[in-house]
């Protein structure tokens, strides 16, 4: 909402989104606690255990329900949302396993959102 997308489009430039999965929070990975092999446990520079609050988990679960209704995983929906209008031309997903790359590519199969879906996502995340 700061004019970046419009300016990039006007100048014919693309935008690359860094960490569109919020360091893994916009996946199913933290819905049931912090896994022992998670980045929080093994690195912790960017995502901290304190970031995984009960309120944040409830937001993520609500977004996961929207994703399920769309027939997507939470990660697919999050990436599709970032890519939905063409202004963001690439995403840096920070995959730590090859299967995460192949799973996340599926987001490009459905980047269309209804007005109701977008409104629900805004209500949950803003």
Foldseek 3Di string as FASTA:
>chain_A
DPCPLVVCVVVVHAAEAEALCQQVLQACQDLPHHDCPGCCNVPVPRDHSVVSDPLSSVLSVLLQVLQVVVVAGSLLQSVLQVPQPPRHPYYDNPDPDPVVVVRNVCSVVDSDDDPVSVVSNVVSPD
